[in-house]
N, C-alpha and C. Protein backbone atom coordinates (compact mmCIF):
# COMPACT_ATOMS: atom_id res chain seq x y z
N MET A 1 0.74 -1.17 -0.02
CA MET A 1 0.18 -0.05 -0.11
C MET A 1 1.08 1.57 -0.09
N GLU A 2 0.70 2.11 -0.93
CA GLU A 2 1.60 3.33 -1.09
C GLU A 2 1.03 4.46 0.11
N GLN A 3 2.29 4.70 0.61
CA GLN A 3 1.97 5.86 1.82
C GLN A 3 1.58 6.89 1.26
N PRO A 4 0.75 7.89 2.23
CA PRO A 4 0.12 9.19 1.71
C PRO A 4 1.38 10.32 1.88
N GLU A 5 1.28 10.84 0.69
CA GLU A 5 2.31 12.08 0.95
C GLU A 5 2.48 12.94 1.99
N GLN A 6 3.49 13.11 2.16
CA GLN A 6 3.70 13.92 3.62
C GLN A 6 3.56 15.35 3.66
N LEU A 7 3.17 16.06 4.72
CA LEU A 7 2.89 17.37 4.48
C LEU A 7 4.13 17.97 4.52
N GLU A 8 4.17 19.40 3.78
CA GLU A 8 5.44 20.19 3.84
C GLU A 8 5.64 20.67 5.06
N PRO A 9 6.67 20.91 5.40
CA PRO A 9 7.23 21.74 6.66
C PRO A 9 7.10 23.12 6.75
N PRO A 10 6.66 24.30 7.66
CA PRO A 10 6.66 25.45 7.29
C PRO A 10 7.76 25.96 6.78
N ASP A 11 7.82 27.28 6.25
CA ASP A 11 9.03 27.93 5.68
C ASP A 11 9.87 28.15 6.69
N GLN A 12 11.16 27.66 6.36
CA GLN A 12 12.26 27.83 7.26
C GLN A 12 12.56 29.31 7.45
N ALA A 13 12.33 30.20 6.40
CA ALA A 13 12.61 31.38 6.54
C ALA A 13 12.39 32.20 7.53
N TRP A 14 11.21 31.57 8.34
CA TRP A 14 10.87 32.06 9.69
C TRP A 14 12.12 32.29 10.70
N HIS A 15 13.12 31.12 10.65
CA HIS A 15 13.69 31.00 11.80
C HIS A 15 15.05 32.26 11.75
N GLY A 16 14.92 32.86 13.03
CA GLY A 16 15.82 33.96 13.15
C GLY A 16 15.36 35.35 13.04
N LYS A 17 13.77 35.36 12.24
CA LYS A 17 13.09 36.40 12.03
C LYS A 17 12.31 37.01 12.99
N TYR A 18 11.49 36.11 13.58
CA TYR A 18 10.25 36.20 14.36
C TYR A 18 11.01 35.82 15.71
N PRO A 19 10.56 36.58 17.00
CA PRO A 19 11.08 36.28 18.02
C PRO A 19 10.18 34.80 18.48
N PHE A 20 9.26 34.58 18.40
CA PHE A 20 8.40 33.19 18.85
C PHE A 20 8.66 32.11 17.91
N TYR A 21 9.56 32.03 17.01
CA TYR A 21 9.96 31.04 16.12
C TYR A 21 11.09 30.32 16.65
N LYS A 22 11.10 29.69 17.81
CA LYS A 22 12.13 29.06 18.28
C LYS A 22 11.99 27.59 18.23
N PRO A 23 13.19 27.18 17.37
CA PRO A 23 13.13 25.43 17.13
C PRO A 23 12.79 24.81 18.59
N GLY A 24 13.52 25.03 19.62
CA GLY A 24 13.55 23.98 20.63
C GLY A 24 12.22 24.07 21.34
N PRO A 25 11.62 25.37 21.57
CA PRO A 25 10.40 25.41 22.06
C PRO A 25 9.35 24.70 21.15
N LEU A 26 9.40 24.75 19.76
CA LEU A 26 8.50 24.40 18.52
C LEU A 26 8.47 22.96 18.90
N GLU A 27 9.66 22.36 18.76
CA GLU A 27 9.77 20.62 19.08
C GLU A 27 8.98 20.41 20.56
N ASN A 28 8.93 20.99 21.56
CA ASN A 28 8.02 20.84 22.55
C ASN A 28 6.55 20.69 22.56
N PHE A 29 6.21 22.23 21.70
CA PHE A 29 5.05 22.33 21.35
C PHE A 29 4.19 21.21 20.22
N SER A 30 5.19 20.95 19.56
CA SER A 30 4.45 19.69 18.63
C SER A 30 4.51 18.14 19.42
N ALA A 31 5.24 18.31 20.25
CA ALA A 31 5.06 16.93 21.00
C ALA A 31 3.79 17.14 21.82
N LEU A 32 3.95 17.99 22.69
CA LEU A 32 2.50 17.99 23.28
C LEU A 32 1.22 18.24 22.60
N ALA A 33 1.02 18.81 21.83
CA ALA A 33 0.22 19.26 20.74
C ALA A 33 -0.55 17.71 20.09
N LEU A 34 0.75 16.84 19.77
CA LEU A 34 0.16 15.53 19.28
C LEU A 34 0.00 14.73 20.17
N ALA A 35 0.12 15.04 21.67
CA ALA A 35 -0.05 13.83 22.50
C ALA A 35 -1.65 13.40 22.55
N GLU A 36 -2.16 14.55 22.32
CA GLU A 36 -3.65 14.26 22.34
C GLU A 36 -4.61 15.37 21.52
N VAL A 37 -5.72 14.95 21.12
CA VAL A 37 -6.57 15.65 20.28
C VAL A 37 -6.88 17.24 21.05
N GLN A 38 -6.65 18.17 20.36
CA GLN A 38 -6.74 19.63 21.16
C GLN A 38 -7.40 20.38 19.75
N ASP A 39 -8.36 21.53 20.70
CA ASP A 39 -8.71 22.33 19.70
C ASP A 39 -8.02 23.64 19.61
N ILE A 40 -8.46 24.45 19.08
CA ILE A 40 -7.49 25.80 18.70
C ILE A 40 -7.40 26.74 19.90
N GLU A 41 -8.12 26.81 21.24
CA GLU A 41 -8.18 27.59 22.46
C GLU A 41 -7.04 26.76 23.09
N GLU A 42 -6.92 25.40 23.01
CA GLU A 42 -6.09 24.72 23.91
C GLU A 42 -5.00 24.89 23.32
N LEU A 43 -4.61 25.09 21.87
CA LEU A 43 -3.21 25.07 21.37
C LEU A 43 -2.62 26.17 21.61
N VAL A 44 -3.78 27.44 21.78
CA VAL A 44 -3.28 28.84 22.00
C VAL A 44 -2.76 28.92 23.60
N THR A 45 -3.50 28.37 24.30
CA THR A 45 -2.98 27.96 25.85
C THR A 45 -1.69 27.37 26.06
N LEU A 46 -1.38 26.30 25.10
CA LEU A 46 -0.11 25.47 24.97
C LEU A 46 0.93 26.48 24.60
N GLY A 47 0.80 27.45 23.65
CA GLY A 47 1.81 28.07 23.02
C GLY A 47 2.11 29.09 23.85
N ARG A 48 1.22 30.04 24.82
CA ARG A 48 1.64 30.92 25.87
C ARG A 48 2.17 30.44 26.97
N HIS A 49 1.80 29.12 27.41
CA HIS A 49 2.49 28.43 28.19
C HIS A 49 4.20 28.04 28.16
N LEU A 50 4.58 27.81 26.45
CA LEU A 50 5.57 27.53 26.26
C LEU A 50 6.24 28.76 25.61
N LYS A 51 5.50 29.86 25.53
CA LYS A 51 6.24 31.01 24.99
C LYS A 51 6.40 30.83 23.65
N VAL A 52 5.42 29.83 22.74
CA VAL A 52 5.77 30.09 21.35
C VAL A 52 4.36 30.22 20.56
N CYS A 53 4.45 31.00 19.67
CA CYS A 53 3.46 31.39 18.80
C CYS A 53 2.68 30.26 18.56
N PRO A 54 1.29 30.11 18.85
CA PRO A 54 0.57 28.96 18.35
C PRO A 54 0.36 29.05 16.96
N CYS A 55 0.29 29.82 16.22
CA CYS A 55 0.32 29.81 14.77
C CYS A 55 1.73 28.97 14.17
N TYR A 56 2.80 29.53 14.59
CA TYR A 56 3.91 28.85 13.96
C TYR A 56 4.07 27.46 14.73
N GLY A 57 3.86 27.27 16.08
CA GLY A 57 3.78 25.99 16.62
C GLY A 57 3.01 24.90 15.63
N THR A 58 1.58 25.40 15.62
CA THR A 58 0.36 24.40 14.88
C THR A 58 1.21 24.28 13.35
N ARG A 59 1.78 25.14 12.48
CA ARG A 59 2.06 24.94 11.22
C ARG A 59 3.25 23.99 11.49
N HIS A 60 4.18 24.01 12.61
CA HIS A 60 4.86 23.12 12.52
C HIS A 60 4.61 21.81 12.79
N THR A 61 3.92 21.67 13.63
CA THR A 61 2.98 20.69 13.86
C THR A 61 2.37 19.71 13.16
N VAL A 62 1.62 20.14 11.80
CA VAL A 62 0.76 19.54 11.06
C VAL A 62 1.54 18.56 10.23
N PRO A 63 2.77 18.90 9.73
CA PRO A 63 3.26 17.76 9.30
C PRO A 63 2.96 16.31 9.75
N SER A 64 3.05 16.12 11.12
CA SER A 64 3.10 14.87 12.06
C SER A 64 1.93 14.70 12.13
N ALA A 65 0.98 15.15 12.02
CA ALA A 65 -0.39 14.85 12.77
C ALA A 65 -1.06 14.00 11.80
N GLN A 66 -1.70 13.04 12.54
CA GLN A 66 -2.44 11.77 11.88
C GLN A 66 -4.18 12.48 11.69
N LEU A 67 -4.28 13.79 12.15
CA LEU A 67 -5.73 14.22 11.93
C LEU A 67 -5.70 15.65 12.24
N VAL A 68 -6.01 16.54 11.11
CA VAL A 68 -5.92 18.09 10.88
C VAL A 68 -7.24 18.29 10.56
N VAL A 69 -8.12 19.27 11.45
CA VAL A 69 -9.38 19.55 11.07
C VAL A 69 -9.41 21.39 10.90
N VAL A 70 -9.85 21.31 9.94
CA VAL A 70 -9.69 22.87 9.21
C VAL A 70 -11.06 23.36 8.68
N PRO A 71 -11.28 24.61 8.62
CA PRO A 71 -12.41 25.10 8.00
C PRO A 71 -12.59 24.66 6.56
N TYR A 72 -13.69 25.09 5.98
CA TYR A 72 -13.90 24.93 4.72
C TYR A 72 -12.88 25.90 3.84
N SER A 73 -13.11 26.99 4.31
CA SER A 73 -11.87 27.97 3.67
C SER A 73 -10.72 27.71 3.23
N THR A 74 -10.05 26.86 4.46
CA THR A 74 -8.64 26.39 4.44
C THR A 74 -8.59 25.15 3.49
N LEU A 75 -9.68 24.45 3.30
CA LEU A 75 -9.71 23.25 2.88
C LEU A 75 -9.77 23.10 1.25
N LEU A 76 -10.60 24.50 0.67
CA LEU A 76 -11.22 24.76 -0.40
C LEU A 76 -10.33 25.61 -1.46
N HIS A 77 -9.62 26.57 -0.63
CA HIS A 77 -8.56 27.50 -1.35
C HIS A 77 -7.06 26.87 -1.38
N GLU A 78 -6.72 26.68 -2.40
CA GLU A 78 -5.29 26.31 -2.62
C GLU A 78 -4.11 26.88 -1.94
N PRO A 79 -4.03 28.15 -2.40
CA PRO A 79 -2.99 29.21 -1.77
C PRO A 79 -3.14 29.07 -0.17
N THR A 80 -4.11 28.75 0.58
CA THR A 80 -4.47 28.86 1.97
C THR A 80 -3.75 27.40 2.19
N ARG A 81 -4.29 26.44 1.64
CA ARG A 81 -3.68 24.99 2.09
C ARG A 81 -2.19 25.03 1.71
N ARG A 82 -1.45 25.53 0.82
CA ARG A 82 -0.23 25.45 0.63
C ARG A 82 0.47 26.52 1.80
N SER A 83 -0.24 27.32 2.31
CA SER A 83 0.50 28.45 3.47
C SER A 83 0.75 27.61 4.29
N VAL A 84 -0.46 26.42 5.03
CA VAL A 84 -0.51 25.91 6.00
C VAL A 84 0.34 24.69 5.81
N GLY A 85 0.99 24.44 4.79
CA GLY A 85 1.40 23.17 4.61
C GLY A 85 0.49 21.94 4.38
N LEU A 86 -0.55 21.92 3.98
CA LEU A 86 -1.39 20.91 3.79
C LEU A 86 -1.86 20.26 2.74
N LYS A 87 -1.58 19.18 2.02
CA LYS A 87 -1.97 18.52 1.01
C LYS A 87 -3.07 17.20 0.97
N LEU A 88 -3.60 17.70 -0.06
CA LEU A 88 -4.79 16.41 -0.22
C LEU A 88 -4.39 15.27 -0.76
N LYS A 89 -3.39 15.03 -1.77
CA LYS A 89 -3.11 14.19 -2.34
C LYS A 89 -2.60 12.95 -1.50
N GLY A 90 -3.39 11.75 -1.26
CA GLY A 90 -2.84 10.56 -0.52
C GLY A 90 -3.64 10.46 0.83
N ASN A 91 -4.24 11.39 1.15
CA ASN A 91 -4.64 11.78 2.42
C ASN A 91 -6.41 12.02 2.32
N ILE A 92 -7.22 11.21 3.19
CA ILE A 92 -8.52 11.13 3.14
C ILE A 92 -9.15 12.26 3.78
N VAL A 93 -10.10 12.99 3.13
CA VAL A 93 -11.03 14.09 3.45
C VAL A 93 -11.97 13.83 3.89
N VAL A 94 -12.83 14.36 4.98
CA VAL A 94 -13.97 14.06 5.12
C VAL A 94 -14.58 15.43 5.57
N ILE A 95 -15.82 15.71 4.78
CA ILE A 95 -16.44 16.96 5.07
C ILE A 95 -17.65 16.70 5.79
N ASP A 96 -17.80 17.67 6.81
CA ASP A 96 -18.77 17.65 7.80
C ASP A 96 -19.77 18.72 7.44
N GLU A 97 -20.83 18.35 7.48
CA GLU A 97 -21.89 19.70 7.49
C GLU A 97 -21.71 20.12 5.77
N ALA A 98 -21.79 18.70 5.19
CA ALA A 98 -21.80 18.83 3.64
C ALA A 98 -22.69 19.77 3.18
N HIS A 99 -23.98 19.93 3.72
CA HIS A 99 -25.00 20.74 3.23
C HIS A 99 -24.42 22.04 3.07
N ASN A 100 -23.57 22.49 3.70
CA ASN A 100 -23.00 24.06 3.35
C ASN A 100 -21.60 24.38 2.41
N LEU A 101 -21.45 23.22 1.87
CA LEU A 101 -20.21 22.75 1.16
C LEU A 101 -20.33 24.21 -0.02
N VAL A 102 -21.48 23.78 -0.78
CA VAL A 102 -21.96 24.63 -1.95
C VAL A 102 -21.85 26.00 -1.75
N ASP A 103 -22.32 26.66 -0.56
CA ASP A 103 -22.41 28.07 0.03
C ASP A 103 -20.86 28.64 -0.08
N SER A 104 -19.80 27.51 0.46
CA SER A 104 -18.63 27.94 1.24
C SER A 104 -17.86 27.81 -0.03
N ILE A 105 -18.02 26.92 -1.15
CA ILE A 105 -17.29 27.13 -2.31
C ILE A 105 -17.73 28.23 -3.22
N SER A 106 -19.24 28.50 -2.99
CA SER A 106 -19.29 29.94 -3.94
C SER A 106 -18.74 31.27 -3.17
N ALA A 107 -18.45 31.35 -1.69
CA ALA A 107 -18.06 32.17 -1.24
C ALA A 107 -16.49 32.71 -1.44
N ALA A 108 -16.08 31.54 -1.35
CA ALA A 108 -14.62 31.30 -1.65
C ALA A 108 -14.23 31.92 -2.97
N TYR A 109 -14.83 31.66 -4.03
CA TYR A 109 -14.59 32.02 -5.37
C TYR A 109 -15.56 33.14 -5.84
N SER A 110 -15.98 33.87 -5.12
CA SER A 110 -17.06 34.89 -5.86
C SER A 110 -16.32 36.07 -5.58
N VAL A 111 -16.61 37.36 -6.26
CA VAL A 111 -16.47 38.47 -5.91
C VAL A 111 -17.25 39.34 -5.99
N GLU A 112 -17.69 40.65 -5.22
CA GLU A 112 -18.82 41.33 -5.56
C GLU A 112 -18.17 42.50 -6.36
N ILE A 113 -18.60 43.08 -7.53
CA ILE A 113 -18.27 44.34 -8.23
C ILE A 113 -19.44 45.32 -7.96
N THR A 114 -19.30 46.58 -7.55
CA THR A 114 -20.26 47.42 -7.42
C THR A 114 -19.97 48.48 -8.73
N GLY A 115 -21.05 49.49 -8.63
CA GLY A 115 -20.66 50.82 -9.66
C GLY A 115 -19.66 51.46 -9.21
N ALA A 116 -19.26 51.68 -8.04
CA ALA A 116 -18.25 52.45 -7.86
C ALA A 116 -16.87 51.98 -8.04
N HIS A 117 -16.69 50.55 -8.08
CA HIS A 117 -15.46 49.55 -8.80
C HIS A 117 -15.49 50.26 -9.80
N ILE A 118 -16.29 49.95 -10.90
CA ILE A 118 -16.55 50.03 -12.13
C ILE A 118 -16.10 51.67 -12.31
N ALA A 119 -16.79 52.59 -12.07
CA ALA A 119 -16.68 53.89 -11.93
C ALA A 119 -15.27 54.21 -11.72
N GLY A 120 -14.80 53.70 -10.90
CA GLY A 120 -13.33 54.06 -10.26
C GLY A 120 -12.11 53.63 -11.06
N ASN A 121 -12.58 52.70 -11.91
CA ASN A 121 -11.40 52.19 -12.88
C ASN A 121 -11.75 52.45 -14.51
N MET A 122 -12.12 53.75 -14.54
CA MET A 122 -12.46 54.01 -15.92
C MET A 122 -11.68 55.15 -16.13
C-alpha cells in the first residue's frame, strides 16, 4: 500500500526573523500538541505556556499530525492550503456539514463588483 504524501514543513525562512519562532520550544509544542486531540483554544494556551506563537507551533506540527481539522475556507482554497502545508493527495478528506459546502465554495470563489468599482477604474 502506498504511503500518503507527507505534508510540507513550514517555511524555514521564519527562523531568526521572528522572536516566537524558536526551534527548541517548537519541538516541545509539537510533542505536546500531538499527545492528544486539542482544539484551537487549547493550542493557544499551550503556546502561551511555552512562549511559542501558536500559529508557528501549529504550522510546525501539521506535518506530523494524523488528523487535521480545518474550516472549509482552508480546505477549498489552494493558496491557503499551501500556506499551512496541507496536501490533499494521498490523504482522506471528510466533509462535515456538507450541506454548507456549495455556499462555502461560492463564497471562496466569488467577487462582488459595485458600480463604484467600475466607475473608479474608467
